[in-house]
Amino acid sequence: MSNLLLIIDPQNDFCNLGDEHGRGRGSLYVPGAHDDMIRLSKWIVDNKEQIDHIVITLDNHHLMDISHTLFWVDENGNHPEPFTTIRAGEVEQGKWRSVIDNDKSLDYLHRLEAQGITHTVWPPHCLIGSEGAAIFPPLMDAIKTWAGQGRYYQPVIKGTYPFTEHFGAFAAQVIYEDVLETQVNSELLDMMGEFDNIFLAGEARSHCVGTSLKQLIEYVPIIVQKITVLEDAMSNVPGFNMEEVYAQAKDLGAKFLTTKMVKLKLK
């Protein structure tokens, strides 16, 4: 039986709790993420001989990104606070405007809201090349232990196009036909289909992990029955959840277990 581990966005800005004074804390720290990744790190080391492949998605943003507070201003020129929601109607009324391309940003909001999603802005996070975008060090150590057996982990970069969120592993939130990095990653989907078991972990459960699972349900639902969600290796952003997606995945055959409950068999 072949085993794939898919880790969603295990990066410092989401996972680093910082020291006892909060120094070094990730700019968009997800409460619980530090302990999630410590548990996942131990699970990887304990099962290193049985994990055949590891895919790691990595959020990578420009500073001026539609999801960041600096991208938007109100009628007085003030940037919104993190976690502010911005709606298309508010932009049309002049409450908010983009400092880059207001028409394109407004079109994005309309297309997002057509999916039933309201746009939320975050503090700048996972900036391209920054320490915040790097893999959480304890997890990186575990991955190196696994890779040292003569294997290669597969990074999947997402989020580099600044006019759309890119929560899911397999496509941006809004797909642009002329922007390759927003489009469906069919090669990744095809590769995942070759494995017998897929273990899913990462941050945040309420956003990027949940959206990745939602995309699998939409694009290749047969894969969902191969998935084991490692429930103690992911956490929600407070105030957000995607429980309907997880319920749908369970109905399609996905398993929900903890890292302590999953011990892979020797080959």
Foldseek 3Di string as FASTA:
>chain_A
DAEEEEAEAQFQLAAPQPPPVSPSHRQNHAVLQPVLLLLVLVLCLLALQRHAAYEYEFEEEAQCFLQAQVQKAALVRHTDDAFDWDALVCVVVRRMAGPPDRVLLSVQRVVLVVVVDIRGHHHDARYPPDRRRDRDVSNVVSVCSSCVVPHDYHYQYAHYPRNFDAQESFATSDADPVDVRRHGPVVVVVVLVVGQAYEYAYPAQQTNSLVNLVVCCVPPLLSLLRYEYAVSNHYHRPPGHDVVSVVVSVVSHYHYHHSVVDDDDRD
